[in-house]
PDB file of N, CA and C in Angstrom:
ATOM      1  N   UNK A   1      77.678 127.688 -37.059  1.00  0.00           N
ATOM      2  CA  UNK A   1      76.918 128.645 -36.281  1.00  0.00           C
ATOM      3  C   UNK A   1      77.364 128.605 -34.832  1.00  0.00           C
ATOM      4  N   UNK A   2      77.072 129.656 -34.132  1.00  0.00           N
ATOM      5  CA  UNK A   2      77.506 129.756 -32.745  1.00  0.00           C
ATOM      6  C   UNK A   2      76.891 128.651 -31.901  1.00  0.00           C
ATOM      7  N   UNK A   3      75.631 128.300 -32.113  1.00  0.00           N
ATOM      8  CA  UNK A   3      74.990 127.238 -31.338  1.00  0.00           C
ATOM      9  C   UNK A   3      75.661 125.899 -31.542  1.00  0.00           C
ATOM     10  N   UNK A   4      76.083 125.621 -32.768  1.00  0.00           N
ATOM     11  CA  UNK A   4      76.782 124.374 -33.060  1.00  0.00           C
ATOM     12  C   UNK A   4      78.127 124.329 -32.337  1.00  0.00           C
ATOM     13  N   UNK A   5      78.815 125.459 -32.291  1.00  0.00           N
ATOM     14  CA  UNK A   5      80.106 125.539 -31.600  1.00  0.00           C
ATOM     15  C   UNK A   5      79.926 125.192 -30.124  1.00  0.00           C
ATOM     16  N   UNK A   6      78.883 125.732 -29.504  1.00  0.00           N
ATOM     17  CA  UNK A   6      78.618 125.433 -28.096  1.00  0.00           C
ATOM     18  C   UNK A   6      78.330 123.965 -27.875  1.00  0.00           C
ATOM     19  N   UNK A   7      77.622 123.345 -28.796  1.00  0.00           N
ATOM     20  CA  UNK A   7      77.336 121.907 -28.693  1.00  0.00           C
ATOM     21  C   UNK A   7      78.626 121.099 -28.751  1.00  0.00           C
ATOM     22  N   UNK A   8      79.513 121.483 -29.679  1.00  0.00           N
ATOM     23  CA  UNK A   8      80.792 120.783 -29.785  1.00  0.00           C
ATOM     24  C   UNK A   8      81.621 120.969 -28.521  1.00  0.00           C
ATOM     25  N   UNK A   9      81.645 122.188 -28.021  1.00  0.00           N
ATOM     26  CA  UNK A   9      82.424 122.483 -26.805  1.00  0.00           C
ATOM     27  C   UNK A   9      81.942 121.642 -25.629  1.00  0.00           C
ATOM     28  N   UNK A  10      80.646 121.631 -25.394  1.00  0.00           N
ATOM     29  CA  UNK A  10      80.129 120.888 -24.231  1.00  0.00           C
ATOM     30  C   UNK A  10      80.324 119.385 -24.404  1.00  0.00           C
ATOM     31  N   UNK A  11      80.192 118.894 -25.630  1.00  0.00           N
ATOM     32  CA  UNK A  11      80.415 117.458 -25.871  1.00  0.00           C
ATOM     33  C   UNK A  11      81.888 117.109 -25.685  1.00  0.00           C
ATOM     34  N   UNK A  12      82.773 117.977 -26.152  1.00  0.00           N
ATOM     35  CA  UNK A  12      84.215 117.735 -26.016  1.00  0.00           C
ATOM     36  C   UNK A  12      84.647 117.774 -24.558  1.00  0.00           C
ATOM     37  N   UNK A  13      84.033 118.640 -23.769  1.00  0.00           N
ATOM     38  CA  UNK A  13      84.385 118.742 -22.350  1.00  0.00           C
ATOM     39  C   UNK A  13      84.113 117.430 -21.619  1.00  0.00           C
ATOM     40  N   UNK A  14      83.145 116.669 -22.093  1.00  0.00           N
ATOM     41  CA  UNK A  14      82.869 115.350 -21.501  1.00  0.00           C
ATOM     42  C   UNK A  14      84.080 114.424 -21.617  1.00  0.00           C
ATOM     43  N   UNK A  15      84.960 114.715 -22.591  1.00  0.00           N
ATOM     44  CA  UNK A  15      86.156 113.897 -22.800  1.00  0.00           C
ATOM     45  C   UNK A  15      87.420 114.665 -22.415  1.00  0.00           C
ATOM     46  N   UNK A  16      87.252 115.738 -21.646  1.00  0.00           N
ATOM     47  CA  UNK A  16      88.373 116.586 -21.218  1.00  0.00           C
ATOM     48  C   UNK A  16      89.156 117.151 -22.406  1.00  0.00           C
ATOM     49  N   UNK A  17      88.424 117.598 -23.422  1.00  0.00           N
ATOM     50  CA  UNK A  17      89.031 118.218 -24.601  1.00  0.00           C
ATOM     51  C   UNK A  17      88.523 119.657 -24.672  1.00  0.00           C
ATOM     52  N   UNK A  18      89.452 120.590 -24.826  1.00  0.00           N
ATOM     53  CA  UNK A  18      89.084 121.998 -24.976  1.00  0.00           C
ATOM     54  C   UNK A  18      89.181 122.370 -26.450  1.00  0.00           C
ATOM     55  N   UNK A  19      88.103 122.884 -27.005  1.00  0.00           N
ATOM     56  CA  UNK A  19      88.079 123.295 -28.413  1.00  0.00           C
ATOM     57  C   UNK A  19      88.226 124.798 -28.503  1.00  0.00           C
ATOM     58  N   UNK A  20      89.105 125.233 -29.396  1.00  0.00           N
ATOM     59  CA  UNK A  20      89.291 126.654 -29.627  1.00  0.00           C
ATOM     60  C   UNK A  20      88.485 127.094 -30.847  1.00  0.00           C
ATOM     61  N   UNK A  21      88.236 126.194 -31.753  1.00  0.00           N
ATOM     62  CA  UNK A  21      87.474 126.481 -32.963  1.00  0.00           C
ATOM     63  C   UNK A  21      87.230 125.189 -33.716  1.00  0.00           C
ATOM     64  N   UNK A  22      86.193 125.150 -34.469  1.00  0.00           N
ATOM     65  CA  UNK A  22      85.847 123.942 -35.237  1.00  0.00           C
ATOM     66  C   UNK A  22      85.597 124.348 -36.687  1.00  0.00           C
ATOM     67  N   UNK A  23      86.229 123.625 -37.599  1.00  0.00           N
ATOM     68  CA  UNK A  23      86.005 123.830 -39.020  1.00  0.00           C
ATOM     69  C   UNK A  23      85.646 122.501 -39.653  1.00  0.00           C
ATOM     70  N   UNK A  24      84.577 122.498 -40.415  1.00  0.00           N
ATOM     71  CA  UNK A  24      84.183 121.288 -41.145  1.00  0.00           C
ATOM     72  C   UNK A  24      84.893 121.338 -42.486  1.00  0.00           C
ATOM     73  N   UNK A  25      85.744 120.346 -42.751  1.00  0.00           N
ATOM     74  CA  UNK A  25      86.536 120.346 -43.985  1.00  0.00           C
ATOM     75  C   UNK A  25      86.001 119.372 -45.021  1.00  0.00           C
ATOM     76  N   UNK A  26      85.191 118.431 -44.594  1.00  0.00           N
ATOM     77  CA  UNK A  26      84.629 117.474 -45.539  1.00  0.00           C
ATOM     78  C   UNK A  26      83.248 117.084 -45.046  1.00  0.00           C
ATOM     79  N   UNK A  27      82.301 117.113 -45.955  1.00  0.00           N
ATOM     80  CA  UNK A  27      80.932 116.805 -45.583  1.00  0.00           C
ATOM     81  C   UNK A  27      80.296 116.022 -46.719  1.00  0.00           C
ATOM     82  N   UNK A  28      79.819 114.845 -46.423  1.00  0.00           N
ATOM     83  CA  UNK A  28      79.167 114.010 -47.424  1.00  0.00           C
ATOM     84  C   UNK A  28      77.744 113.722 -46.986  1.00  0.00           C
ATOM     85  N   UNK A  29      76.847 113.675 -47.953  1.00  0.00           N
ATOM     86  CA  UNK A  29      75.457 113.366 -47.676  1.00  0.00           C
ATOM     87  C   UNK A  29      75.136 111.975 -48.206  1.00  0.00           C
ATOM     88  N   UNK A  30      74.125 111.371 -47.637  1.00  0.00           N
ATOM     89  CA  UNK A  30      73.697 110.061 -48.092  1.00  0.00           C
ATOM     90  C   UNK A  30      73.080 110.123 -49.482  1.00  0.00           C
ATOM     91  N   UNK A  31      73.018 108.974 -50.145  1.00  0.00           N
ATOM     92  CA  UNK A  31      72.470 108.929 -51.499  1.00  0.00           C
ATOM     93  C   UNK A  31      71.018 109.383 -51.536  1.00  0.00           C
ATOM     94  N   UNK A  32      70.238 108.990 -50.535  1.00  0.00           N
ATOM     95  CA  UNK A  32      68.825 109.364 -50.511  1.00  0.00           C
ATOM     96  C   UNK A  32      68.661 110.873 -50.393  1.00  0.00           C
ATOM     97  N   UNK A  33      69.474 111.481 -49.517  1.00  0.00           N
ATOM     98  CA  UNK A  33      69.402 112.928 -49.339  1.00  0.00           C
ATOM     99  C   UNK A  33      69.813 113.647 -50.617  1.00  0.00           C
ATOM    100  N   UNK A  34      70.916 113.199 -51.221  1.00  0.00           N
ATOM    101  CA  UNK A  34      71.385 113.806 -52.465  1.00  0.00           C
ATOM    102  C   UNK A  34      70.327 113.675 -53.557  1.00  0.00           C
ATOM    103  N   UNK A  35      69.714 112.505 -53.649  1.00  0.00           N
ATOM    104  CA  UNK A  35      68.660 112.278 -54.645  1.00  0.00           C
ATOM    105  C   UNK A  35      67.464 113.200 -54.379  1.00  0.00           C
ATOM    106  N   UNK A  36      67.114 113.376 -53.114  1.00  0.00           N
ATOM    107  CA  UNK A  36      65.986 114.249 -52.766  1.00  0.00           C
ATOM    108  C   UNK A  36      66.275 115.694 -53.148  1.00  0.00           C
ATOM    109  N   UNK A  37      67.502 116.149 -52.906  1.00  0.00           N
ATOM    110  CA  UNK A  37      67.875 117.521 -53.264  1.00  0.00           C
ATOM    111  C   UNK A  37      67.828 117.704 -54.776  1.00  0.00           C
ATOM    112  N   UNK A  38      68.355 116.734 -55.515  1.00  0.00           N
ATOM    113  CA  UNK A  38      68.329 116.817 -56.978  1.00  0.00           C
ATOM    114  C   UNK A  38      66.900 116.821 -57.488  1.00  0.00           C
ATOM    115  N   UNK A  39      66.037 115.983 -56.906  1.00  0.00           N
ATOM    116  CA  UNK A  39      64.632 115.927 -57.318  1.00  0.00           C
ATOM    117  C   UNK A  39      63.941 117.262 -57.039  1.00  0.00           C
ATOM    118  N   UNK A  40      64.285 117.875 -55.919  1.00  0.00           N
ATOM    119  CA  UNK A  40      63.710 119.178 -55.577  1.00  0.00           C
ATOM    120  C   UNK A  40      64.143 120.242 -56.584  1.00  0.00           C
ATOM    121  N   UNK A  41      65.409 120.195 -56.985  1.00  0.00           N
ATOM    122  CA  UNK A  41      65.908 121.163 -57.969  1.00  0.00           C
ATOM    123  C   UNK A  41      65.232 120.958 -59.321  1.00  0.00           C
ATOM    124  N   UNK A  42      65.037 119.706 -59.721  1.00  0.00           N
ATOM    125  CA  UNK A  42      64.361 119.411 -60.986  1.00  0.00           C
ATOM    126  C   UNK A  42      62.918 119.916 -60.921  1.00  0.00           C
ATOM    127  N   UNK A  43      62.241 119.668 -59.801  1.00  0.00           N
ATOM    128  CA  UNK A  43      60.861 120.123 -59.644  1.00  0.00           C
ATOM    129  C   UNK A  43      60.776 121.643 -59.695  1.00  0.00           C
ATOM    130  N   UNK A  44      61.724 122.326 -59.077  1.00  0.00           N
ATOM    131  CA  UNK A  44      61.734 123.790 -59.105  1.00  0.00           C
ATOM    132  C   UNK A  44      61.948 124.293 -60.535  1.00  0.00           C
ATOM    133  N   UNK A  45      62.836 123.641 -61.261  1.00  0.00           N
ATOM    134  CA  UNK A  45      63.079 124.027 -62.656  1.00  0.00           C
ATOM    135  C   UNK A  45      61.824 123.806 -63.494  1.00  0.00           C
ATOM    136  N   UNK A  46      61.157 122.673 -63.295  1.00  0.00           N
ATOM    137  CA  UNK A  46      59.938 122.385 -64.045  1.00  0.00           C
ATOM    138  C   UNK A  46      58.842 123.400 -63.716  1.00  0.00           C
ATOM    139  N   UNK A  47      58.751 123.804 -62.457  1.00  0.00           N
ATOM    140  CA  UNK A  47      57.754 124.800 -62.056  1.00  0.00           C
ATOM    141  C   UNK A  47      58.048 126.145 -62.724  1.00  0.00           C
ATOM    142  N   UNK A  48      59.312 126.537 -62.781  1.00  0.00           N
ATOM    143  CA  UNK A  48      59.680 127.785 -63.453  1.00  0.00           C
ATOM    144  C   UNK A  48      59.361 127.716 -64.939  1.00  0.00           C
ATOM    145  N   UNK A  49      59.620 126.563 -65.546  1.00  0.00           N
ATOM    146  CA  UNK A  49      59.330 126.394 -66.971  1.00  0.00           C
ATOM    147  C   UNK A  49      57.821 126.481 -67.212  1.00  0.00           C
ATOM    148  N   UNK A  50      57.038 125.845 -66.356  1.00  0.00           N
ATOM    149  CA  UNK A  50      55.583 125.898 -66.481  1.00  0.00           C
ATOM    150  C   UNK A  50      55.079 127.329 -66.320  1.00  0.00           C
ATOM    151  N   UNK A  51      55.653 128.062 -65.385  1.00  0.00           N
ATOM    152  CA  UNK A  51      55.281 129.470 -65.173  1.00  0.00           C
ATOM    153  C   UNK A  51      55.583 130.281 -66.427  1.00  0.00           C
ATOM    154  N   UNK A  52      56.740 130.018 -67.043  1.00  0.00           N
ATOM    155  CA  UNK A  52      57.107 130.712 -68.278  1.00  0.00           C
ATOM    156  C   UNK A  52      56.097 130.410 -69.385  1.00  0.00           C
ATOM    157  N   UNK A  53      55.695 129.154 -69.511  1.00  0.00           N
ATOM    158  CA  UNK A  53      54.743 128.765 -70.553  1.00  0.00           C
ATOM    159  C   UNK A  53      53.400 129.456 -70.338  1.00  0.00           C
ATOM    160  N   UNK A  54      52.946 129.533 -69.088  1.00  0.00           N
ATOM    161  CA  UNK A  54      51.680 130.205 -68.779  1.00  0.00           C
ATOM    162  C   UNK A  54      51.774 131.688 -69.127  1.00  0.00           C
ATOM    163  N   UNK A  55      52.883 132.333 -68.737  1.00  0.00           N
ATOM    164  CA  UNK A  55      53.054 133.753 -69.040  1.00  0.00           C
ATOM    165  C   UNK A  55      53.099 133.994 -70.544  1.00  0.00           C
ATOM    166  N   UNK A  56      53.758 133.097 -71.276  1.00  0.00           N
ATOM    167  CA  UNK A  56      53.813 133.229 -72.736  1.00  0.00           C
ATOM    168  C   UNK A  56      52.426 133.072 -73.340  1.00  0.00           C
ATOM    169  N   UNK A  57      51.649 132.115 -72.838  1.00  0.00           N
ATOM    170  CA  UNK A  57      50.288 131.916 -73.337  1.00  0.00           C
ATOM    171  C   UNK A  57      49.428 133.151 -73.069  1.00  0.00           C
ATOM    172  N   UNK A  58      49.595 133.767 -71.906  1.00  0.00           N
ATOM    173  CA  UNK A  58      48.843 134.985 -71.585  1.00  0.00           C
ATOM    174  C   UNK A  58      49.221 136.116 -72.542  1.00  0.00           C
ATOM    175  N   UNK A  59      50.508 136.249 -72.832  1.00  0.00           N
ATOM    176  CA  UNK A  59      50.949 137.287 -73.774  1.00  0.00           C
ATOM    177  C   UNK A  59      50.431 136.998 -75.183  1.00  0.00           C
ATOM    178  N   UNK A  60      50.453 135.722 -75.590  1.00  0.00           N
ATOM    179  CA  UNK A  60      49.929 135.348 -76.906  1.00  0.00           C
ATOM    180  C   UNK A  60      48.435 135.676 -76.999  1.00  0.00           C
ATOM    181  N   UNK A  61      47.707 135.439 -75.911  1.00  0.00           N
ATOM    182  CA  UNK A  61      46.273 135.744 -75.879  1.00  0.00           C
ATOM    183  C   UNK A  61      46.051 137.242 -76.041  1.00  0.00           C
ATOM    184  N   UNK A  62      46.836 138.050 -75.292  1.00  0.00           N
ATOM    185  CA  UNK A  62      46.704 139.505 -75.401  1.00  0.00           C
ATOM    186  C   UNK A  62      47.021 139.970 -76.813  1.00  0.00           C
ATOM    187  N   UNK A  63      48.051 139.382 -77.419  1.00  0.00           N
ATOM    188  CA  UNK A  63      48.418 139.752 -78.787  1.00  0.00           C
ATOM    189  C   UNK A  63      47.305 139.406 -79.761  1.00  0.00           C
ATOM    190  N   UNK A  64      46.689 138.251 -79.581  1.00  0.00           N
ATOM    191  CA  UNK A  64      45.590 137.834 -80.459  1.00  0.00           C
ATOM    192  C   UNK A  64      44.401 138.778 -80.317  1.00  0.00           C
ATOM    193  N   UNK A  65      44.118 139.212 -79.093  1.00  0.00           N
ATOM    194  CA  UNK A  65      42.997 140.139 -78.865  1.00  0.00           C
ATOM    195  C   UNK A  65      43.265 141.473 -79.559  1.00  0.00           C
ATOM    196  N   UNK A  66      44.490 141.979 -79.420  1.00  0.00           N
ATOM    197  CA  UNK A  66      44.847 143.251 -80.072  1.00  0.00           C
ATOM    198  C   UNK A  66      44.773 143.097 -81.585  1.00  0.00           C
ATOM    199  N   UNK A  67      45.291 142.012 -82.106  1.00  0.00           N
ATOM    200  CA  UNK A  67      45.259 141.782 -83.553  1.00  0.00           C
ATOM    201  C   UNK A  67      43.825 141.703 -84.046  1.00  0.00           C
ATOM    202  N   UNK A  68      42.969 140.992 -83.316  1.00  0.00           N
ATOM    203  CA  UNK A  68      41.557 140.889 -83.691  1.00  0.00           C
ATOM    204  C   UNK A  68      40.902 142.267 -83.695  1.00  0.00           C
ATOM    205  N   UNK A  69      41.201 143.062 -82.673  1.00  0.00           N
ATOM    206  CA  UNK A  69      40.623 144.406 -82.599  1.00  0.00           C
ATOM    207  C   UNK A  69      41.090 145.253 -83.780  1.00  0.00           C
ATOM    208  N   UNK A  70      42.354 145.177 -84.123  1.00  0.00           N
ATOM    209  CA  UNK A  70      42.870 145.955 -85.258  1.00  0.00           C
ATOM    210  C   UNK A  70      42.239 145.498 -86.570  1.00  0.00           C
ATOM    211  N   UNK A  71      42.099 144.198 -86.743  1.00  0.00           N
ATOM    212  CA  UNK A  71      41.472 143.683 -87.969  1.00  0.00           C
ATOM    213  C   UNK A  71      40.009 144.090 -88.042  1.00  0.00           C
ATOM    214  N   UNK A  72      39.322 144.080 -86.923  1.00  0.00           N
ATOM    215  CA  UNK A  72      37.917 144.479 -86.889  1.00  0.00           C
ATOM    216  C   UNK A  72      37.770 145.947 -87.275  1.00  0.00           C
ATOM    217  N   UNK A  73      38.622 146.800 -86.711  1.00  0.00           N
ATOM    218  CA  UNK A  73      38.587 148.216 -87.054  1.00  0.00           C
ATOM    219  C   UNK A  73      38.911 148.405 -88.531  1.00  0.00           C
ATOM    220  N   UNK A  74      39.869 147.658 -89.020  1.00  0.00           N
ATOM    221  CA  UNK A  74      40.251 147.754 -90.431  1.00  0.00           C
ATOM    222  C   UNK A  74      39.090 147.373 -91.339  1.00  0.00           C
ATOM    223  N   UNK A  75      38.381 146.310 -90.989  1.00  0.00           N
ATOM    224  CA  UNK A  75      37.228 145.872 -91.793  1.00  0.00           C
ATOM    225  C   UNK A  75      36.125 146.925 -91.751  1.00  0.00           C
ATOM    226  N   UNK A  76      35.872 147.492 -90.582  1.00  0.00           N
ATOM    227  CA  UNK A  76      34.829 148.516 -90.448  1.00  0.00           C
ATOM    228  C   UNK A  76      35.191 149.738 -91.283  1.00  0.00           C
ATOM    229  N   UNK A  77      36.456 150.181 -91.191  1.00  0.00           N
ATOM    230  CA  UNK A  77      36.888 151.356 -91.950  1.00  0.00           C
ATOM    231  C   UNK A  77      36.802 151.078 -93.441  1.00  0.00           C
ATOM    232  N   UNK A  78      37.257 149.912 -93.872  1.00  0.00           N
ATOM    233  CA  UNK A  78      37.222 149.557 -95.297  1.00  0.00           C
ATOM    234  C   UNK A  78      35.789 149.477 -95.797  1.00  0.00           C
ATOM    235  N   UNK A  79      34.906 148.862 -95.018  1.00  0.00           N
ATOM    236  CA  UNK A  79      33.505 148.738 -95.411  1.00  0.00           C
ATOM    237  C   UNK A  79      32.851 150.109 -95.468  1.00  0.00           C
ATOM    238  N   UNK A  80      33.144 150.964 -94.506  1.00  0.00           N
ATOM    239  CA  UNK A  80      32.583 152.318 -94.480  1.00  0.00           C
ATOM    240  C   UNK A  80      33.065 153.112 -95.677  1.00  0.00           C
ATOM    241  N   UNK A  81      34.332 152.978 -96.011  1.00  0.00           N
ATOM    242  CA  UNK A  81      34.867 153.701 -97.166  1.00  0.00           C
ATOM    243  C   UNK A  81      34.202 153.238 -98.448  1.00  0.00           C
ATOM    244  N   UNK A  82      33.964 151.947 -98.577  1.00  0.00           N
ATOM    245  CA  UNK A  82      33.301 151.427 -99.786  1.00  0.00           C
ATOM    246  C   UNK A  82      31.871 151.923 -99.860  1.00  0.00           C
ATOM    247  N   UNK A  83      31.166 151.895 -98.731  1.00  0.00           N
ATOM    248  CA  UNK A  83      29.784 152.348 -98.725  1.00  0.00           C
ATOM    249  C   UNK A  83      29.695 153.851 -98.975  1.00  0.00           C
ATOM    250  N   UNK A  84      30.614 154.633 -98.453  1.00  0.00           N
ATOM    251  CA  UNK A  84      30.614 156.075 -98.639  1.00  0.00           C
ATOM    252  C   UNK A  84      30.910 156.406-100.089  1.00  0.00           C
ATOM    253  N   UNK A  85      31.751 155.628-100.723  1.00  0.00           N
ATOM    254  CA  UNK A  85      32.111 155.880-102.119  1.00  0.00           C
ATOM    255  C   UNK A  85      30.931 155.660-103.040  1.00  0.00           C
ATOM    256  N   UNK A  86      29.981 154.821-102.657  1.00  0.00           N
ATOM    257  CA  UNK A  86      28.826 154.510-103.502  1.00  0.00           C
ATOM    258  C   UNK A  86      27.698 155.531-103.343  1.00  0.00           C
ATOM    259  N   UNK A  87      27.751 156.363-102.313  1.00  0.00           N
ATOM    260  CA  UNK A  87      26.684 157.334-102.070  1.00  0.00           C
ATOM    261  C   UNK A  87      26.962 158.571-102.943  1.00  0.00           C
ATOM    262  N   UNK A  88      25.986 158.912-103.789  1.00  0.00           N
ATOM    263  CA  UNK A  88      26.203 160.109-104.616  1.00  0.00           C
ATOM    264  C   UNK A  88      26.169 161.386-103.764  1.00  0.00           C
ATOM    265  N   UNK A  89      26.983 162.305-104.137  1.00  0.00           N
ATOM    266  CA  UNK A  89      27.068 163.555-103.386  1.00  0.00           C
ATOM    267  C   UNK A  89      25.986 164.519-103.754  1.00  0.00           C
TER     268      UNK A  89
END
C-alpha cells in the first residue's frame, strides 16, 4: 500500500538509502498466527455447515406440514365420499 511505501522510504532515508520501489518476495507467519488462521477457517466452515443443517431442517418441516395438509384433505375427501355413498338418493 502507498502508506507502507512511505514508511519504508522515511525509514530508509535514516540510513541514506533512496528507495524507488519495494516488493515483498517472501513472507512467513509464525506458527501461532498460522494456527489461528486455520482455526478461524475451520470455525467458518463449521458455521456454514450448521447454517445448512438449520435450513434443511426448516425445509423438512415445511415439507412435513404440506404432506400433513394433503393427507388431511385426502382423509376428509375419502370420508365424505364414503358417507355420501351411504346416503340414499
